[in-house]
Amino acid sequence: MAKRISKAWQNERLALGLNLIKQGKTPRVAFDGAVPTKPFLPCIDVPESAVDNAVEPLFRRYGCVMKRLNNGEGKFEHSPNYGAYGIKGGSDYLGWLKDSGRHIEIELKRGAGGRLSKDQQDRFNDCWDDNAIFVVVHGVPELKWYYENGWEYLTKEVAAQNIKFRR
């Protein structure tokens, strides 16, 4: 099954590359399927850890009850086995909106932008398909903008404005 998925992604990369060549552009399709993200409002170019430190205290003020979600993979303690933990493609923070109880996930990226992995893209789509909110935040200005424009009125298209999806 994994071979089939890998082969499907190779075919998709080829199709995307040929489509870009047809448009007169240079094809640059990541091997792992990650897509770039860029802030849609001016944000200071700082590492993701600094963005985390800046936005975490503001969640409650902006109507969200959030908890940090740790995801990763590696060898654990003295075990020779390699394993993964957390939700595959999960965001940095997950929680709910105080007023409505609607599920919300916030993925943080560095101030100048970052890359959204294929698993995170799938998680983004799954959340929106199930009427949950998934947003990518590059700094305080974006978080504030989402709050001021109303979490409840946010749509998938607006949430994806800072993600350069291929499709």
C-alpha atoms as a PDB file:
ATOM      1  CA  MET A   1       0.000   0.000   0.000  1.00  0.00           C
ATOM      2  CA  ALA A   2       2.814   2.429   0.879  1.00  0.00           C
ATOM      3  CA  LYS A   3       4.387   1.782  -2.523  1.00  0.00           C
ATOM      4  CA  ARG A   4       1.097   2.707  -4.210  1.00  0.00           C
ATOM      5  CA  ILE A   5       0.879   5.961  -2.257  1.00  0.00           C
ATOM      6  CA  SER A   6       4.513   6.749  -3.011  1.00  0.00           C
ATOM      7  CA  LYS A   7       3.949   6.035  -6.707  1.00  0.00           C
ATOM      8  CA  ALA A   8       0.816   8.219  -6.703  1.00  0.00           C
ATOM      9  CA  TRP A   9       2.781  11.109  -5.201  1.00  0.00           C
ATOM     10  CA  GLN A  10       5.546  10.646  -7.811  1.00  0.00           C
ATOM     11  CA  ASN A  11       2.927  10.839 -10.559  1.00  0.00           C
ATOM     12  CA  GLU A  12       1.374  13.927  -8.985  1.00  0.00           C
ATOM     13  CA  ARG A  13       4.790  15.627  -8.744  1.00  0.00           C
ATOM     14  CA  LEU A  14       5.409  14.843 -12.404  1.00  0.00           C
ATOM     15  CA  ALA A  15       2.019  16.258 -13.406  1.00  0.00           C
ATOM     16  CA  LEU A  16       2.596  19.413 -11.349  1.00  0.00           C
ATOM     17  CA  GLY A  17       6.051  19.849 -12.879  1.00  0.00           C
ATOM     18  CA  LEU A  18       4.779  19.415 -16.439  1.00  0.00           C
ATOM     19  CA  ASN A  19       1.957  21.873 -15.756  1.00  0.00           C
ATOM     20  CA  LEU A  20       4.462  24.483 -14.524  1.00  0.00           C
ATOM     21  CA  ILE A  21       6.675  23.933 -17.581  1.00  0.00           C
ATOM     22  CA  LYS A  22       3.628  24.433 -19.814  1.00  0.00           C
ATOM     23  CA  GLN A  23       3.011  27.771 -18.032  1.00  0.00           C
ATOM     24  CA  GLY A  24       6.635  28.795 -18.697  1.00  0.00           C
ATOM     25  CA  LYS A  25       7.715  28.469 -15.059  1.00  0.00           C
ATOM     26  CA  THR A  26      10.553  26.527 -13.467  1.00  0.00           C
ATOM     27  CA  PRO A  27       9.153  23.485 -11.624  1.00  0.00           C
ATOM     28  CA  ARG A  28      10.021  23.385  -7.936  1.00  0.00           C
ATOM     29  CA  VAL A  29       7.930  20.714  -6.289  1.00  0.00           C
ATOM     30  CA  ALA A  30       9.177  19.469  -2.922  1.00  0.00           C
ATOM     31  CA  PHE A  31       9.943  15.753  -2.689  1.00  0.00           C
ATOM     32  CA  ASP A  32       8.072  15.466   0.609  1.00  0.00           C
ATOM     33  CA  GLY A  33       4.972  17.329  -0.599  1.00  0.00           C
ATOM     34  CA  ALA A  34       5.442  20.324   1.721  1.00  0.00           C
ATOM     35  CA  VAL A  35       4.106  23.709   0.578  1.00  0.00           C
ATOM     36  CA  PRO A  36       5.382  27.150   1.573  1.00  0.00           C
ATOM     37  CA  THR A  37       3.471  29.512   3.843  1.00  0.00           C
ATOM     38  CA  LYS A  38       3.868  33.290   3.919  1.00  0.00           C
ATOM     39  CA  PRO A  39       2.270  35.811   6.285  1.00  0.00           C
ATOM     40  CA  PHE A  40      -0.606  37.791   4.739  1.00  0.00           C
ATOM     41  CA  LEU A  41       0.074  40.669   7.165  1.00  0.00           C
ATOM     42  CA  PRO A  42       3.501  42.138   7.964  1.00  0.00           C
ATOM     43  CA  CYS A  43       5.079  40.019  10.719  1.00  0.00           C
ATOM     44  CA  ILE A  44       8.515  40.363  12.279  1.00  0.00           C
ATOM     45  CA  ASP A  45      10.930  37.702  10.995  1.00  0.00           C
ATOM     46  CA  VAL A  46      11.628  35.711  14.157  1.00  0.00           C
ATOM     47  CA  PRO A  47      12.007  31.953  14.794  1.00  0.00           C
ATOM     48  CA  GLU A  48       8.948  29.836  15.544  1.00  0.00           C
ATOM     49  CA  SER A  49       9.881  29.688  19.242  1.00  0.00           C
ATOM     50  CA  ALA A  50       9.654  33.501  19.464  1.00  0.00           C
ATOM     51  CA  VAL A  51       6.282  33.460  17.673  1.00  0.00           C
ATOM     52  CA  ASP A  52       5.156  30.822  20.190  1.00  0.00           C
ATOM     53  CA  ASN A  53       6.248  32.980  23.145  1.00  0.00           C
ATOM     54  CA  ALA A  54       4.438  36.016  21.691  1.00  0.00           C
ATOM     55  CA  VAL A  55       1.088  34.450  20.779  1.00  0.00           C
ATOM     56  CA  GLU A  56       0.570  31.931  23.604  1.00  0.00           C
ATOM     57  CA  PRO A  57      -0.383  34.533  26.258  1.00  0.00           C
ATOM     58  CA  LEU A  58      -2.936  36.074  23.854  1.00  0.00           C
ATOM     59  CA  PHE A  59      -5.080  32.991  23.190  1.00  0.00           C
ATOM     60  CA  ARG A  60      -7.510  33.610  26.078  1.00  0.00           C
ATOM     61  CA  ARG A  61      -7.790  37.301  25.220  1.00  0.00           C
ATOM     62  CA  TYR A  62      -8.685  36.343  21.653  1.00  0.00           C
ATOM     63  CA  GLY A  63     -11.398  33.885  22.679  1.00  0.00           C
ATOM     64  CA  CYS A  64      -9.524  30.567  22.548  1.00  0.00           C
ATOM     65  CA  VAL A  65      -8.846  27.936  25.194  1.00  0.00           C
ATOM     66  CA  MET A  66      -5.689  26.273  23.898  1.00  0.00           C
ATOM     67  CA  LYS A  67      -3.217  23.586  24.985  1.00  0.00           C
ATOM     68  CA  ARG A  68       0.156  22.804  23.454  1.00  0.00           C
ATOM     69  CA  LEU A  69       0.245  19.568  21.457  1.00  0.00           C
ATOM     70  CA  ASN A  70       3.611  17.851  21.305  1.00  0.00           C
ATOM     71  CA  ASN A  71       4.264  15.817  18.176  1.00  0.00           C
ATOM     72  CA  GLY A  72       7.436  14.154  17.075  1.00  0.00           C
ATOM     73  CA  GLU A  73       9.429  11.050  16.453  1.00  0.00           C
ATOM     74  CA  GLY A  74      12.698   9.509  17.507  1.00  0.00           C
ATOM     75  CA  LYS A  75      14.284   7.030  19.882  1.00  0.00           C
ATOM     76  CA  PHE A  76      12.903   7.070  23.398  1.00  0.00           C
ATOM     77  CA  GLU A  77      15.202   6.916  26.426  1.00  0.00           C
ATOM     78  CA  HIS A  78      17.355   3.778  26.165  1.00  0.00           C
ATOM     79  CA  SER A  79      15.155   1.930  23.696  1.00  0.00           C
ATOM     80  CA  PRO A  80      16.653   0.903  20.337  1.00  0.00           C
ATOM     81  CA  ASN A  81      13.215   1.318  18.716  1.00  0.00           C
ATOM     82  CA  TYR A  82      12.243   4.377  16.708  1.00  0.00           C
ATOM     83  CA  GLY A  83       8.704   5.653  17.247  1.00  0.00           C
ATOM     84  CA  ALA A  84       6.314   8.556  16.733  1.00  0.00           C
ATOM     85  CA  TYR A  85       4.020  10.281  19.200  1.00  0.00           C
ATOM     86  CA  GLY A  86       1.180  12.775  18.978  1.00  0.00           C
ATOM     87  CA  ILE A  87      -1.315  13.287  16.165  1.00  0.00           C
ATOM     88  CA  LYS A  88       0.101  12.766  12.674  1.00  0.00           C
ATOM     89  CA  GLY A  89       0.178  16.206  11.058  1.00  0.00           C
ATOM     90  CA  GLY A  90      -1.254  17.783  14.204  1.00  0.00           C
ATOM     91  CA  SER A  91      -0.946  21.479  14.882  1.00  0.00           C
ATOM     92  CA  ASP A  92       1.124  23.157  17.587  1.00  0.00           C
ATOM     93  CA  TYR A  93      -1.945  24.122  19.636  1.00  0.00           C
ATOM     94  CA  LEU A  94      -5.442  22.709  19.830  1.00  0.00           C
ATOM     95  CA  GLY A  95      -8.472  23.669  21.855  1.00  0.00           C
ATOM     96  CA  TRP A  96     -11.884  25.289  21.521  1.00  0.00           C
ATOM     97  CA  LEU A  97     -13.513  28.682  21.193  1.00  0.00           C
ATOM     98  CA  LYS A  98     -14.804  30.000  24.527  1.00  0.00           C
ATOM     99  CA  ASP A  99     -18.191  31.182  23.245  1.00  0.00           C
ATOM    100  CA  SER A 100     -19.234  28.349  20.944  1.00  0.00           C
ATOM    101  CA  GLY A 101     -17.058  25.394  21.935  1.00  0.00           C
ATOM    102  CA  ARG A 102     -16.006  24.915  18.301  1.00  0.00           C
ATOM    103  CA  HIS A 103     -12.749  22.956  17.848  1.00  0.00           C
ATOM    104  CA  ILE A 104      -9.757  25.052  16.748  1.00  0.00           C
ATOM    105  CA  GLU A 105      -6.169  24.197  15.846  1.00  0.00           C
ATOM    106  CA  ILE A 106      -3.364  26.719  15.396  1.00  0.00           C
ATOM    107  CA  GLU A 107      -0.118  25.878  13.607  1.00  0.00           C
ATOM    108  CA  LEU A 108       2.731  28.312  14.232  1.00  0.00           C
ATOM    109  CA  LYS A 109       5.392  29.153  11.656  1.00  0.00           C
ATOM    110  CA  ARG A 110       8.339  31.534  11.786  1.00  0.00           C
ATOM    111  CA  GLY A 111       7.654  35.203  11.064  1.00  0.00           C
ATOM    112  CA  ALA A 112       8.842  35.181   7.444  1.00  0.00           C
ATOM    113  CA  GLY A 113       7.051  31.941   6.610  1.00  0.00           C
ATOM    114  CA  GLY A 114       7.666  28.238   6.737  1.00  0.00           C
ATOM    115  CA  ARG A 115       6.562  24.974   5.182  1.00  0.00           C
ATOM    116  CA  LEU A 116       3.375  23.027   5.774  1.00  0.00           C
ATOM    117  CA  SER A 117       4.048  19.285   5.489  1.00  0.00           C
ATOM    118  CA  LYS A 118       1.821  16.939   3.517  1.00  0.00           C
ATOM    119  CA  ASP A 119       0.452  15.513   6.795  1.00  0.00           C
ATOM    120  CA  GLN A 120      -0.336  19.022   8.057  1.00  0.00           C
ATOM    121  CA  GLN A 121      -2.096  19.818   4.773  1.00  0.00           C
ATOM    122  CA  ASP A 122      -4.216  16.694   5.213  1.00  0.00           C
ATOM    123  CA  ARG A 123      -4.975  17.705   8.817  1.00  0.00           C
ATOM    124  CA  PHE A 124      -5.927  21.208   7.590  1.00  0.00           C
ATOM    125  CA  ASN A 125      -8.411  19.734   5.108  1.00  0.00           C
ATOM    126  CA  ASP A 126      -9.771  17.175   7.607  1.00  0.00           C
ATOM    127  CA  CYS A 127     -10.433  19.888  10.191  1.00  0.00           C
ATOM    128  CA  TRP A 128     -12.286  22.131   7.757  1.00  0.00           C
ATOM    129  CA  ASP A 129     -14.251  19.177   6.353  1.00  0.00           C
ATOM    130  CA  ASP A 130     -15.486  18.436   9.896  1.00  0.00           C
ATOM    131  CA  ASN A 131     -16.430  22.087  10.670  1.00  0.00           C
ATOM    132  CA  ALA A 132     -13.368  22.645  12.857  1.00  0.00           C
ATOM    133  CA  ILE A 133     -10.979  25.581  12.450  1.00  0.00           C
ATOM    134  CA  PHE A 134      -7.326  25.150  11.425  1.00  0.00           C
ATOM    135  CA  VAL A 135      -5.195  28.251  10.878  1.00  0.00           C
ATOM    136  CA  VAL A 136      -1.505  28.930  10.279  1.00  0.00           C
ATOM    137  CA  VAL A 137      -0.157  31.898  12.259  1.00  0.00           C
ATOM    138  CA  HIS A 138       3.152  33.685  11.621  1.00  0.00           C
ATOM    139  CA  GLY A 139       2.841  36.293  14.364  1.00  0.00           C
ATOM    140  CA  VAL A 140       0.618  38.391  16.605  1.00  0.00           C
ATOM    141  CA  PRO A 141      -0.805  40.529  13.738  1.00  0.00           C
ATOM    142  CA  GLU A 142      -2.307  37.463  12.027  1.00  0.00           C
ATOM    143  CA  LEU A 143      -3.750  36.053  15.257  1.00  0.00           C
ATOM    144  CA  LYS A 144      -5.296  39.443  16.049  1.00  0.00           C
ATOM    145  CA  TRP A 145      -6.722  39.714  12.517  1.00  0.00           C
ATOM    146  CA  TYR A 146      -8.438  36.321  12.810  1.00  0.00           C
ATOM    147  CA  TYR A 147      -9.960  37.354  16.142  1.00  0.00           C
ATOM    148  CA  GLU A 148     -11.135  40.779  14.949  1.00  0.00           C
ATOM    149  CA  ASN A 149     -12.749  39.301  11.839  1.00  0.00           C
ATOM    150  CA  GLY A 150     -14.571  36.679  13.903  1.00  0.00           C
ATOM    151  CA  TRP A 151     -13.497  33.090  14.454  1.00  0.00           C
ATOM    152  CA  GLU A 152     -17.067  31.907  13.803  1.00  0.00           C
ATOM    153  CA  TYR A 153     -17.197  33.592  10.386  1.00  0.00           C
ATOM    154  CA  LEU A 154     -13.847  32.244   9.252  1.00  0.00           C
ATOM    155  CA  THR A 155     -13.945  30.086   6.116  1.00  0.00           C
ATOM    156  CA  LYS A 156     -11.506  27.556   4.728  1.00  0.00           C
ATOM    157  CA  GLU A 157     -10.604  29.894   1.850  1.00  0.00           C
ATOM    158  CA  VAL A 158      -9.758  32.766   4.219  1.00  0.00           C
ATOM    159  CA  ALA A 159      -7.751  30.450   6.508  1.00  0.00           C
ATOM    160  CA  ALA A 160      -5.761  29.207   3.499  1.00  0.00           C
ATOM    161  CA  GLN A 161      -4.814  32.694   2.275  1.00  0.00           C
ATOM    162  CA  ASN A 162      -1.291  32.404   3.690  1.00  0.00           C
ATOM    163  CA  ILE A 163      -0.684  28.860   2.394  1.00  0.00           C
ATOM    164  CA  LYS A 164       0.502  28.368  -1.177  1.00  0.00           C
ATOM    165  CA  PHE A 165      -1.395  25.162  -1.992  1.00  0.00           C
ATOM    166  CA  ARG A 166      -0.602  23.586  -5.331  1.00  0.00           C
ATOM    167  CA  ARG A 167      -4.174  22.508  -5.972  1.00  0.00           C
END
